[in-house]
Amino acid sequence: MTADDVLRYKKYIETKRHEISENHNLLLTHFLIVSSSFKGDFGKKIDEIGSDGIVVSLMPASELTYFSNMLQELEFPKLRLVELRRGFCHGLVSKQKLVSCV
């Protein structure tokens, strides 16, 4: 993740935060970045992206697929009990964190 990527993400969040607030009267609280993998030291960069109170989560695409499949197997009453925010924590999201939502 380059410095340019960080600036692009921050601008995107700022635009979407305003749009969501105006159109839906909701507060944008989380931002998810999905990639095939994450390498290197990304802690400071995601802290900078989330400096305005946004929780920034990084999720490998394989974990997102796993989570989607897990949710599709749930029956509706149990699906309603899923706490999505618990899985989308600050930093790199693991399978263990996703399982804890269900």
PDB file of N, CA and C in Angstrom:
ATOM      1  N   MET A   1       0.851  -1.158   0.000  1.00  0.00           N
ATOM      2  CA  MET A   1       0.000   0.000   0.000  1.00  0.00           C
ATOM      3  C   MET A   1       0.908   1.235   0.000  1.00  0.00           C
ATOM      4  N   THR A   2       0.793   2.017  -1.036  1.00  0.00           N
ATOM      5  CA  THR A   2       1.637   3.200  -1.174  1.00  0.00           C
ATOM      6  C   THR A   2       1.003   4.408  -0.477  1.00  0.00           C
ATOM      7  N   ALA A   3       1.763   5.475  -0.354  1.00  0.00           N
ATOM      8  CA  ALA A   3       1.234   6.717   0.217  1.00  0.00           C
ATOM      9  C   ALA A   3       0.100   7.253  -0.644  1.00  0.00           C
ATOM     10  N   ASP A   4       0.210   7.050  -1.958  1.00  0.00           N
ATOM     11  CA  ASP A   4      -0.846   7.475  -2.871  1.00  0.00           C
ATOM     12  C   ASP A   4      -2.136   6.681  -2.627  1.00  0.00           C
ATOM     13  N   ASP A   5      -1.997   5.392  -2.360  1.00  0.00           N
ATOM     14  CA  ASP A   5      -3.160   4.557  -2.034  1.00  0.00           C
ATOM     15  C   ASP A   5      -3.851   5.081  -0.774  1.00  0.00           C
ATOM     16  N   VAL A   6      -3.056   5.422   0.225  1.00  0.00           N
ATOM     17  CA  VAL A   6      -3.603   5.941   1.479  1.00  0.00           C
ATOM     18  C   VAL A   6      -4.413   7.211   1.216  1.00  0.00           C
ATOM     19  N   LEU A   7      -3.868   8.125   0.432  1.00  0.00           N
ATOM     20  CA  LEU A   7      -4.588   9.366   0.110  1.00  0.00           C
ATOM     21  C   LEU A   7      -5.871   9.083  -0.667  1.00  0.00           C
ATOM     22  N   ARG A   8      -5.805   8.144  -1.589  1.00  0.00           N
ATOM     23  CA  ARG A   8      -6.986   7.770  -2.373  1.00  0.00           C
ATOM     24  C   ARG A   8      -8.080   7.179  -1.492  1.00  0.00           C
ATOM     25  N   TYR A   9      -7.688   6.304  -0.574  1.00  0.00           N
ATOM     26  CA  TYR A   9      -8.653   5.705   0.354  1.00  0.00           C
ATOM     27  C   TYR A   9      -9.284   6.775   1.243  1.00  0.00           C
ATOM     28  N   LYS A  10      -8.454   7.687   1.757  1.00  0.00           N
ATOM     29  CA  LYS A  10      -8.976   8.739   2.628  1.00  0.00           C
ATOM     30  C   LYS A  10      -9.988   9.620   1.879  1.00  0.00           C
ATOM     31  N   LYS A  11      -9.684   9.961   0.644  1.00  0.00           N
ATOM     32  CA  LYS A  11     -10.597  10.777  -0.166  1.00  0.00           C
ATOM     33  C   LYS A  11     -11.889  10.009  -0.442  1.00  0.00           C
ATOM     34  N   TYR A  12     -11.781   8.730  -0.769  1.00  0.00           N
ATOM     35  CA  TYR A  12     -12.950   7.892  -1.026  1.00  0.00           C
ATOM     36  C   TYR A  12     -13.843   7.834   0.212  1.00  0.00           C
ATOM     37  N   ILE A  13     -13.235   7.620   1.377  1.00  0.00           N
ATOM     38  CA  ILE A  13     -14.000   7.548   2.626  1.00  0.00           C
ATOM     39  C   ILE A  13     -14.691   8.874   2.905  1.00  0.00           C
ATOM     40  N   GLU A  14     -13.981   9.963   2.716  1.00  0.00           N
ATOM     41  CA  GLU A  14     -14.572  11.289   2.941  1.00  0.00           C
ATOM     42  C   GLU A  14     -15.792  11.502   2.050  1.00  0.00           C
ATOM     43  N   THR A  15     -15.679  11.149   0.779  1.00  0.00           N
ATOM     44  CA  THR A  15     -16.787  11.302  -0.168  1.00  0.00           C
ATOM     45  C   THR A  15     -17.958  10.409   0.221  1.00  0.00           C
ATOM     46  N   LYS A  16     -17.683   9.146   0.500  1.00  0.00           N
ATOM     47  CA  LYS A  16     -18.737   8.194   0.857  1.00  0.00           C
ATOM     48  C   LYS A  16     -19.377   8.539   2.200  1.00  0.00           C
ATOM     49  N   ARG A  17     -18.582   9.017   3.137  1.00  0.00           N
ATOM     50  CA  ARG A  17     -19.125   9.389   4.451  1.00  0.00           C
ATOM     51  C   ARG A  17     -20.173  10.491   4.290  1.00  0.00           C
ATOM     52  N   HIS A  18     -19.841  11.491   3.487  1.00  0.00           N
ATOM     53  CA  HIS A  18     -20.790  12.583   3.238  1.00  0.00           C
ATOM     54  C   HIS A  18     -22.027  12.072   2.493  1.00  0.00           C
ATOM     55  N   GLU A  19     -21.813  11.271   1.457  1.00  0.00           N
ATOM     56  CA  GLU A  19     -22.917  10.725   0.659  1.00  0.00           C
ATOM     57  C   GLU A  19     -23.864   9.878   1.507  1.00  0.00           C
ATOM     58  N   ILE A  20     -23.316   9.004   2.328  1.00  0.00           N
ATOM     59  CA  ILE A  20     -24.129   8.128   3.167  1.00  0.00           C
ATOM     60  C   ILE A  20     -24.899   8.932   4.213  1.00  0.00           C
ATOM     61  N   SER A  21     -24.252   9.925   4.769  1.00  0.00           N
ATOM     62  CA  SER A  21     -24.901  10.770   5.759  1.00  0.00           C
ATOM     63  C   SER A  21     -26.063  11.544   5.138  1.00  0.00           C
ATOM     64  N   GLU A  22     -25.826  12.147   3.986  1.00  0.00           N
ATOM     65  CA  GLU A  22     -26.860  12.944   3.318  1.00  0.00           C
ATOM     66  C   GLU A  22     -28.015  12.102   2.784  1.00  0.00           C
ATOM     67  N   ASN A  23     -27.698  11.000   2.136  1.00  0.00           N
ATOM     68  CA  ASN A  23     -28.727  10.201   1.462  1.00  0.00           C
ATOM     69  C   ASN A  23     -29.448   9.210   2.373  1.00  0.00           C
ATOM     70  N   HIS A  24     -28.771   8.751   3.430  1.00  0.00           N
ATOM     71  CA  HIS A  24     -29.353   7.686   4.244  1.00  0.00           C
ATOM     72  C   HIS A  24     -29.409   8.021   5.734  1.00  0.00           C
ATOM     73  N   ASN A  25     -28.891   9.184   6.097  1.00  0.00           N
ATOM     74  CA  ASN A  25     -28.866   9.626   7.489  1.00  0.00           C
ATOM     75  C   ASN A  25     -28.190   8.591   8.398  1.00  0.00           C
ATOM     76  N   LEU A  26     -27.103   8.003   7.895  1.00  0.00           N
ATOM     77  CA  LEU A  26     -26.321   7.012   8.631  1.00  0.00           C
ATOM     78  C   LEU A  26     -24.875   7.468   8.731  1.00  0.00           C
ATOM     79  N   LEU A  27     -24.166   6.924   9.698  1.00  0.00           N
ATOM     80  CA  LEU A  27     -22.762   7.246   9.891  1.00  0.00           C
ATOM     81  C   LEU A  27     -21.893   6.109   9.361  1.00  0.00           C
ATOM     82  N   LEU A  28     -20.959   6.425   8.500  1.00  0.00           N
ATOM     83  CA  LEU A  28     -20.010   5.440   7.988  1.00  0.00           C
ATOM     84  C   LEU A  28     -18.987   5.168   9.087  1.00  0.00           C
ATOM     85  N   THR A  29     -18.872   3.912   9.508  1.00  0.00           N
ATOM     86  CA  THR A  29     -17.983   3.577  10.621  1.00  0.00           C
ATOM     87  C   THR A  29     -16.866   2.612  10.246  1.00  0.00           C
ATOM     88  N   HIS A  30     -17.041   1.845   9.157  1.00  0.00           N
ATOM     89  CA  HIS A  30     -16.079   0.810   8.794  1.00  0.00           C
ATOM     90  C   HIS A  30     -15.701   0.918   7.315  1.00  0.00           C
ATOM     91  N   PHE A  31     -14.477   0.541   7.030  1.00  0.00           N
ATOM     92  CA  PHE A  31     -13.979   0.504   5.665  1.00  0.00           C
ATOM     93  C   PHE A  31     -13.192  -0.797   5.501  1.00  0.00           C
ATOM     94  N   LEU A  32     -13.569  -1.593   4.512  1.00  0.00           N
ATOM     95  CA  LEU A  32     -12.954  -2.899   4.282  1.00  0.00           C
ATOM     96  C   LEU A  32     -12.131  -2.876   3.002  1.00  0.00           C
ATOM     97  N   ILE A  33     -10.894  -3.322   3.101  1.00  0.00           N
ATOM     98  CA  ILE A  33     -10.018  -3.465   1.939  1.00  0.00           C
ATOM     99  C   ILE A  33      -9.815  -4.954   1.717  1.00  0.00           C
ATOM    100  N   VAL A  34     -10.176  -5.430   0.529  1.00  0.00           N
ATOM    101  CA  VAL A  34     -10.047  -6.847   0.183  1.00  0.00           C
ATOM    102  C   VAL A  34      -8.949  -6.991  -0.860  1.00  0.00           C
ATOM    103  N   SER A  35      -8.076  -7.976  -0.650  1.00  0.00           N
ATOM    104  CA  SER A  35      -6.991  -8.253  -1.586  1.00  0.00           C
ATOM    105  C   SER A  35      -6.682  -9.740  -1.545  1.00  0.00           C
ATOM    106  N   SER A  36      -5.907 -10.202  -2.506  1.00  0.00           N
ATOM    107  CA  SER A  36      -5.529 -11.616  -2.493  1.00  0.00           C
ATOM    108  C   SER A  36      -4.628 -11.920  -1.306  1.00  0.00           C
ATOM    109  N   SER A  37      -3.811 -10.954  -0.893  1.00  0.00           N
ATOM    110  CA  SER A  37      -2.957 -11.130   0.284  1.00  0.00           C
ATOM    111  C   SER A  37      -2.478  -9.767   0.761  1.00  0.00           C
ATOM    112  N   PHE A  38      -1.973  -9.751   1.985  1.00  0.00           N
ATOM    113  CA  PHE A  38      -1.416  -8.529   2.566  1.00  0.00           C
ATOM    114  C   PHE A  38      -0.029  -8.857   3.101  1.00  0.00           C
ATOM    115  N   LYS A  39       0.934  -8.030   2.744  1.00  0.00           N
ATOM    116  CA  LYS A  39       2.312  -8.259   3.162  1.00  0.00           C
ATOM    117  C   LYS A  39       2.897  -6.962   3.687  1.00  0.00           C
ATOM    118  N   GLY A  40       3.901  -7.104   4.513  1.00  0.00           N
ATOM    119  CA  GLY A  40       4.619  -5.940   4.995  1.00  0.00           C
ATOM    120  C   GLY A  40       3.949  -5.296   6.199  1.00  0.00           C
ATOM    121  N   ASP A  41       4.470  -4.132   6.552  1.00  0.00           N
ATOM    122  CA  ASP A  41       3.980  -3.382   7.702  1.00  0.00           C
ATOM    123  C   ASP A  41       2.913  -2.396   7.238  1.00  0.00           C
ATOM    124  N   PHE A  42       1.670  -2.733   7.508  1.00  0.00           N
ATOM    125  CA  PHE A  42       0.568  -1.874   7.051  1.00  0.00           C
ATOM    126  C   PHE A  42      -0.117  -1.175   8.215  1.00  0.00           C
ATOM    127  N   GLY A  43       0.350  -1.397   9.429  1.00  0.00           N
ATOM    128  CA  GLY A  43      -0.286  -0.843  10.623  1.00  0.00           C
ATOM    129  C   GLY A  43      -0.406   0.672  10.603  1.00  0.00           C
ATOM    130  N   LYS A  44       0.682   1.362  10.333  1.00  0.00           N
ATOM    131  CA  LYS A  44       0.660   2.830  10.330  1.00  0.00           C
ATOM    132  C   LYS A  44      -0.218   3.372   9.208  1.00  0.00           C
ATOM    133  N   LYS A  45      -0.203   2.675   8.089  1.00  0.00           N
ATOM    134  CA  LYS A  45      -0.997   3.143   6.942  1.00  0.00           C
ATOM    135  C   LYS A  45      -2.490   3.007   7.209  1.00  0.00           C
ATOM    136  N   ILE A  46      -2.915   1.899   7.806  1.00  0.00           N
ATOM    137  CA  ILE A  46      -4.344   1.779   8.082  1.00  0.00           C
ATOM    138  C   ILE A  46      -4.755   2.692   9.242  1.00  0.00           C
ATOM    139  N   ASP A  47      -3.818   2.975  10.151  1.00  0.00           N
ATOM    140  CA  ASP A  47      -4.108   3.964  11.196  1.00  0.00           C
ATOM    141  C   ASP A  47      -4.355   5.337  10.571  1.00  0.00           C
ATOM    142  N   GLU A  48      -3.571   5.673   9.577  1.00  0.00           N
ATOM    143  CA  GLU A  48      -3.733   6.960   8.896  1.00  0.00           C
ATOM    144  C   GLU A  48      -5.056   7.014   8.124  1.00  0.00           C
ATOM    145  N   ILE A  49      -5.406   5.929   7.461  1.00  0.00           N
ATOM    146  CA  ILE A  49      -6.679   5.881   6.722  1.00  0.00           C
ATOM    147  C   ILE A  49      -7.839   6.040   7.695  1.00  0.00           C
ATOM    148  N   GLY A  50      -7.751   5.404   8.842  1.00  0.00           N
ATOM    149  CA  GLY A  50      -8.824   5.437   9.822  1.00  0.00           C
ATOM    150  C   GLY A  50      -8.702   6.560  10.839  1.00  0.00           C
ATOM    151  N   SER A  51      -7.909   7.568  10.547  1.00  0.00           N
ATOM    152  CA  SER A  51      -7.659   8.640  11.514  1.00  0.00           C
ATOM    153  C   SER A  51      -8.898   9.467  11.850  1.00  0.00           C
ATOM    154  N   ASP A  52      -9.934   9.387  11.046  1.00  0.00           N
ATOM    155  CA  ASP A  52     -11.163  10.150  11.311  1.00  0.00           C
ATOM    156  C   ASP A  52     -12.224   9.288  11.992  1.00  0.00           C
ATOM    157  N   GLY A  53     -11.794   8.257  12.714  1.00  0.00           N
ATOM    158  CA  GLY A  53     -12.735   7.421  13.447  1.00  0.00           C
ATOM    159  C   GLY A  53     -13.287   6.242  12.675  1.00  0.00           C
ATOM    160  N   ILE A  54     -12.750   5.987  11.506  1.00  0.00           N
ATOM    161  CA  ILE A  54     -13.182   4.844  10.693  1.00  0.00           C
ATOM    162  C   ILE A  54     -12.377   3.609  11.101  1.00  0.00           C
ATOM    163  N   VAL A  55     -13.063   2.482  11.264  1.00  0.00           N
ATOM    164  CA  VAL A  55     -12.383   1.220  11.534  1.00  0.00           C
ATOM    165  C   VAL A  55     -11.984   0.632  10.178  1.00  0.00           C
ATOM    166  N   VAL A  56     -10.697   0.465   9.960  1.00  0.00           N
ATOM    167  CA  VAL A  56     -10.184  -0.059   8.696  1.00  0.00           C
ATOM    168  C   VAL A  56      -9.817  -1.522   8.888  1.00  0.00           C
ATOM    169  N   SER A  57     -10.444  -2.383   8.079  1.00  0.00           N
ATOM    170  CA  SER A  57     -10.184  -3.819   8.120  1.00  0.00           C
ATOM    171  C   SER A  57      -9.546  -4.261   6.818  1.00  0.00           C
ATOM    172  N   LEU A  58      -8.605  -5.163   6.921  1.00  0.00           N
ATOM    173  CA  LEU A  58      -7.986  -5.788   5.751  1.00  0.00           C
ATOM    174  C   LEU A  58      -8.418  -7.249   5.756  1.00  0.00           C
ATOM    175  N   MET A  59      -8.928  -7.713   4.612  1.00  0.00           N
ATOM    176  CA  MET A  59      -9.393  -9.095   4.552  1.00  0.00           C
ATOM    177  C   MET A  59      -8.919  -9.756   3.267  1.00  0.00           C
ATOM    178  N   PRO A  60      -8.191 -10.865   3.405  1.00  0.00           N
ATOM    179  CA  PRO A  60      -7.851 -11.627   2.204  1.00  0.00           C
ATOM    180  C   PRO A  60      -9.130 -12.134   1.535  1.00  0.00           C
ATOM    181  N   ALA A  61      -9.141 -12.176   0.227  1.00  0.00           N
ATOM    182  CA  ALA A  61     -10.327 -12.605  -0.523  1.00  0.00           C
ATOM    183  C   ALA A  61     -10.758 -14.010  -0.111  1.00  0.00           C
ATOM    184  N   SER A  62      -9.812 -14.869   0.218  1.00  0.00           N
ATOM    185  CA  SER A  62     -10.161 -16.233   0.632  1.00  0.00           C
ATOM    186  C   SER A  62     -10.978 -16.225   1.922  1.00  0.00           C
ATOM    187  N   GLU A  63     -10.671 -15.298   2.832  1.00  0.00           N
ATOM    188  CA  GLU A  63     -11.424 -15.191   4.083  1.00  0.00           C
ATOM    189  C   GLU A  63     -12.837 -14.660   3.820  1.00  0.00           C
ATOM    190  N   LEU A  64     -12.955 -13.734   2.895  1.00  0.00           N
ATOM    191  CA  LEU A  64     -14.270 -13.198   2.539  1.00  0.00           C
ATOM    192  C   LEU A  64     -15.140 -14.285   1.918  1.00  0.00           C
ATOM    193  N   THR A  65     -14.563 -15.112   1.075  1.00  0.00           N
ATOM    194  CA  THR A  65     -15.287 -16.239   0.482  1.00  0.00           C
ATOM    195  C   THR A  65     -15.715 -17.220   1.568  1.00  0.00           C
ATOM    196  N   TYR A  66     -14.820 -17.511   2.479  1.00  0.00           N
ATOM    197  CA  TYR A  66     -15.122 -18.413   3.598  1.00  0.00           C
ATOM    198  C   TYR A  66     -16.300 -17.863   4.403  1.00  0.00           C
ATOM    199  N   PHE A  67     -16.262 -16.590   4.736  1.00  0.00           N
ATOM    200  CA  PHE A  67     -17.313 -15.966   5.533  1.00  0.00           C
ATOM    201  C   PHE A  67     -18.646 -15.972   4.788  1.00  0.00           C
ATOM    202  N   SER A  68     -18.623 -15.664   3.512  1.00  0.00           N
ATOM    203  CA  SER A  68     -19.841 -15.678   2.702  1.00  0.00           C
ATOM    204  C   SER A  68     -20.464 -17.078   2.689  1.00  0.00           C
ATOM    205  N   ASN A  69     -19.642 -18.088   2.478  1.00  0.00           N
ATOM    206  CA  ASN A  69     -20.140 -19.470   2.473  1.00  0.00           C
ATOM    207  C   ASN A  69     -20.713 -19.862   3.832  1.00  0.00           C
ATOM    208  N   MET A  70     -20.053 -19.427   4.891  1.00  0.00           N
ATOM    209  CA  MET A  70     -20.516 -19.729   6.226  1.00  0.00           C
ATOM    210  C   MET A  70     -21.897 -19.087   6.476  1.00  0.00           C
ATOM    211  N   LEU A  71     -22.073 -17.856   6.046  1.00  0.00           N
ATOM    212  CA  LEU A  71     -23.345 -17.160   6.242  1.00  0.00           C
ATOM    213  C   LEU A  71     -24.465 -17.772   5.404  1.00  0.00           C
ATOM    214  N   GLN A  72     -24.140 -18.226   4.207  1.00  0.00           N
ATOM    215  CA  GLN A  72     -25.155 -18.818   3.340  1.00  0.00           C
ATOM    216  C   GLN A  72     -25.713 -20.119   3.906  1.00  0.00           C
ATOM    217  N   GLU A  73     -24.951 -20.782   4.751  1.00  0.00           N
ATOM    218  CA  GLU A  73     -25.393 -22.049   5.334  1.00  0.00           C
ATOM    219  C   GLU A  73     -26.323 -21.849   6.537  1.00  0.00           C
ATOM    220  N   LEU A  74     -26.402 -20.640   7.047  1.00  0.00           N
ATOM    221  CA  LEU A  74     -27.228 -20.390   8.227  1.00  0.00           C
ATOM    222  C   LEU A  74     -28.698 -20.249   7.858  1.00  0.00           C
ATOM    223  N   GLU A  75     -29.551 -20.725   8.739  1.00  0.00           N
ATOM    224  CA  GLU A  75     -30.980 -20.514   8.567  1.00  0.00           C
ATOM    225  C   GLU A  75     -31.300 -19.090   9.016  1.00  0.00           C
ATOM    226  N   PHE A  76     -32.385 -18.541   8.501  1.00  0.00           N
ATOM    227  CA  PHE A  76     -32.699 -17.131   8.725  1.00  0.00           C
ATOM    228  C   PHE A  76     -32.701 -16.708  10.195  1.00  0.00           C
ATOM    229  N   PRO A  77     -33.345 -17.436  11.102  1.00  0.00           N
ATOM    230  CA  PRO A  77     -33.331 -16.969  12.505  1.00  0.00           C
ATOM    231  C   PRO A  77     -31.919 -16.823  13.070  1.00  0.00           C
ATOM    232  N   LYS A  78     -31.040 -17.741  12.726  1.00  0.00           N
ATOM    233  CA  LYS A  78     -29.662 -17.662  13.218  1.00  0.00           C
ATOM    234  C   LYS A  78     -28.882 -16.561  12.493  1.00  0.00           C
ATOM    235  N   LEU A  79     -29.184 -16.349  11.218  1.00  0.00           N
ATOM    236  CA  LEU A  79     -28.523 -15.302  10.439  1.00  0.00           C
ATOM    237  C   LEU A  79     -28.784 -13.927  11.038  1.00  0.00           C
ATOM    238  N   ARG A  80     -29.965 -13.741  11.579  1.00  0.00           N
ATOM    239  CA  ARG A  80     -30.310 -12.461  12.184  1.00  0.00           C
ATOM    240  C   ARG A  80     -29.483 -12.163  13.432  1.00  0.00           C
ATOM    241  N   LEU A  81     -28.880 -13.168  14.024  1.00  0.00           N
ATOM    242  CA  LEU A  81     -28.078 -12.995  15.234  1.00  0.00           C
ATOM    243  C   LEU A  81     -26.607 -12.694  14.952  1.00  0.00           C
ATOM    244  N   VAL A  82     -26.224 -12.742  13.693  1.00  0.00           N
ATOM    245  CA  VAL A  82     -24.825 -12.505  13.330  1.00  0.00           C
ATOM    246  C   VAL A  82     -24.462 -11.048  13.601  1.00  0.00           C
ATOM    247  N   GLU A  83     -23.367 -10.844  14.312  1.00  0.00           N
ATOM    248  CA  GLU A  83     -22.879  -9.505  14.620  1.00  0.00           C
ATOM    249  C   GLU A  83     -21.705  -9.188  13.699  1.00  0.00           C
ATOM    250  N   LEU A  84     -21.991  -8.618  12.541  1.00  0.00           N
ATOM    251  CA  LEU A  84     -20.962  -8.370  11.535  1.00  0.00           C
ATOM    252  C   LEU A  84     -19.836  -7.480  12.039  1.00  0.00           C
ATOM    253  N   ARG A  85     -20.162  -6.490  12.827  1.00  0.00           N
ATOM    254  CA  ARG A  85     -19.129  -5.563  13.300  1.00  0.00           C
ATOM    255  C   ARG A  85     -18.034  -6.262  14.104  1.00  0.00           C
ATOM    256  N   ARG A  86     -18.370  -7.338  14.788  1.00  0.00           N
ATOM    257  CA  ARG A  86     -17.362  -8.060  15.573  1.00  0.00           C
ATOM    258  C   ARG A  86     -16.279  -8.660  14.681  1.00  0.00           C
ATOM    259  N   GLY A  87     -16.649  -9.061  13.474  1.00  0.00           N
ATOM    260  CA  GLY A  87     -15.688  -9.679  12.568  1.00  0.00           C
ATOM    261  C   GLY A  87     -14.813  -8.691  11.844  1.00  0.00           C
ATOM    262  N   PHE A  88     -15.335  -7.510  11.623  1.00  0.00           N
ATOM    263  CA  PHE A  88     -14.597  -6.500  10.865  1.00  0.00           C
ATOM    264  C   PHE A  88     -13.889  -5.562  11.826  1.00  0.00           C
ATOM    265  N   CYS A  89     -12.825  -6.088  12.403  1.00  0.00           N
ATOM    266  CA  CYS A  89     -12.051  -5.362  13.392  1.00  0.00           C
ATOM    267  C   CYS A  89     -10.956  -4.537  12.713  1.00  0.00           C
ATOM    268  N   HIS A  90     -10.304  -3.716  13.492  1.00  0.00           N
ATOM    269  CA  HIS A  90      -9.187  -2.913  12.994  1.00  0.00           C
ATOM    270  C   HIS A  90      -8.023  -3.843  12.661  1.00  0.00           C
ATOM    271  N   GLY A  91      -7.514  -3.718  11.450  1.00  0.00           N
ATOM    272  CA  GLY A  91      -6.372  -4.532  11.052  1.00  0.00           C
ATOM    273  C   GLY A  91      -6.766  -5.732  10.221  1.00  0.00           C
ATOM    274  N   LEU A  92      -5.921  -6.727  10.250  1.00  0.00           N
ATOM    275  CA  LEU A  92      -6.104  -7.920   9.438  1.00  0.00           C
ATOM    276  C   LEU A  92      -7.153  -8.835  10.067  1.00  0.00           C
ATOM    277  N   VAL A  93      -8.156  -9.212   9.287  1.00  0.00           N
ATOM    278  CA  VAL A  93      -9.251 -10.060   9.764  1.00  0.00           C
ATOM    279  C   VAL A  93      -8.879 -11.530   9.548  1.00  0.00           C
ATOM    280  N   SER A  94      -9.047 -12.329  10.590  1.00  0.00           N
ATOM    281  CA  SER A  94      -8.726 -13.755  10.522  1.00  0.00           C
ATOM    282  C   SER A  94     -10.002 -14.594  10.497  1.00  0.00           C
ATOM    283  N   LYS A  95      -9.871 -15.854  10.145  1.00  0.00           N
ATOM    284  CA  LYS A  95     -11.015 -16.778  10.173  1.00  0.00           C
ATOM    285  C   LYS A  95     -11.585 -16.878  11.585  1.00  0.00           C
ATOM    286  N   GLN A  96     -10.713 -16.906  12.582  1.00  0.00           N
ATOM    287  CA  GLN A  96     -11.182 -17.006  13.962  1.00  0.00           C
ATOM    288  C   GLN A  96     -12.074 -15.822  14.315  1.00  0.00           C
ATOM    289  N   LYS A  97     -11.710 -14.649  13.860  1.00  0.00           N
ATOM    290  CA  LYS A  97     -12.515 -13.458  14.139  1.00  0.00           C
ATOM    291  C   LYS A  97     -13.866 -13.557  13.453  1.00  0.00           C
ATOM    292  N   LEU A  98     -13.890 -14.061  12.224  1.00  0.00           N
ATOM    293  CA  LEU A  98     -15.147 -14.197  11.484  1.00  0.00           C
ATOM    294  C   LEU A  98     -16.058 -15.225  12.136  1.00  0.00           C
ATOM    295  N   VAL A  99     -15.494 -16.331  12.593  1.00  0.00           N
ATOM    296  CA  VAL A  99     -16.274 -17.361  13.249  1.00  0.00           C
ATOM    297  C   VAL A  99     -16.882 -16.827  14.537  1.00  0.00           C
ATOM    298  N   SER A 100     -16.199 -15.909  15.203  1.00  0.00           N
ATOM    299  CA  SER A 100     -16.711 -15.361  16.462  1.00  0.00           C
ATOM    300  C   SER A 100     -17.968 -14.515  16.272  1.00  0.00           C
ATOM    301  N   CYS A 101     -18.260 -14.116  15.065  1.00  0.00           N
ATOM    302  CA  CYS A 101     -19.463 -13.317  14.784  1.00  0.00           C
ATOM    303  C   CYS A 101     -20.728 -14.160  14.826  1.00  0.00           C
ATOM    304  N   VAL A 102     -20.570 -15.424  14.536  1.00  0.00           N
ATOM    305  CA  VAL A 102     -21.736 -16.299  14.372  1.00  0.00           C
ATOM    306  C   VAL A 102     -22.083 -17.008  15.663  1.00  0.00           C
TER     307      VAL A 102
END
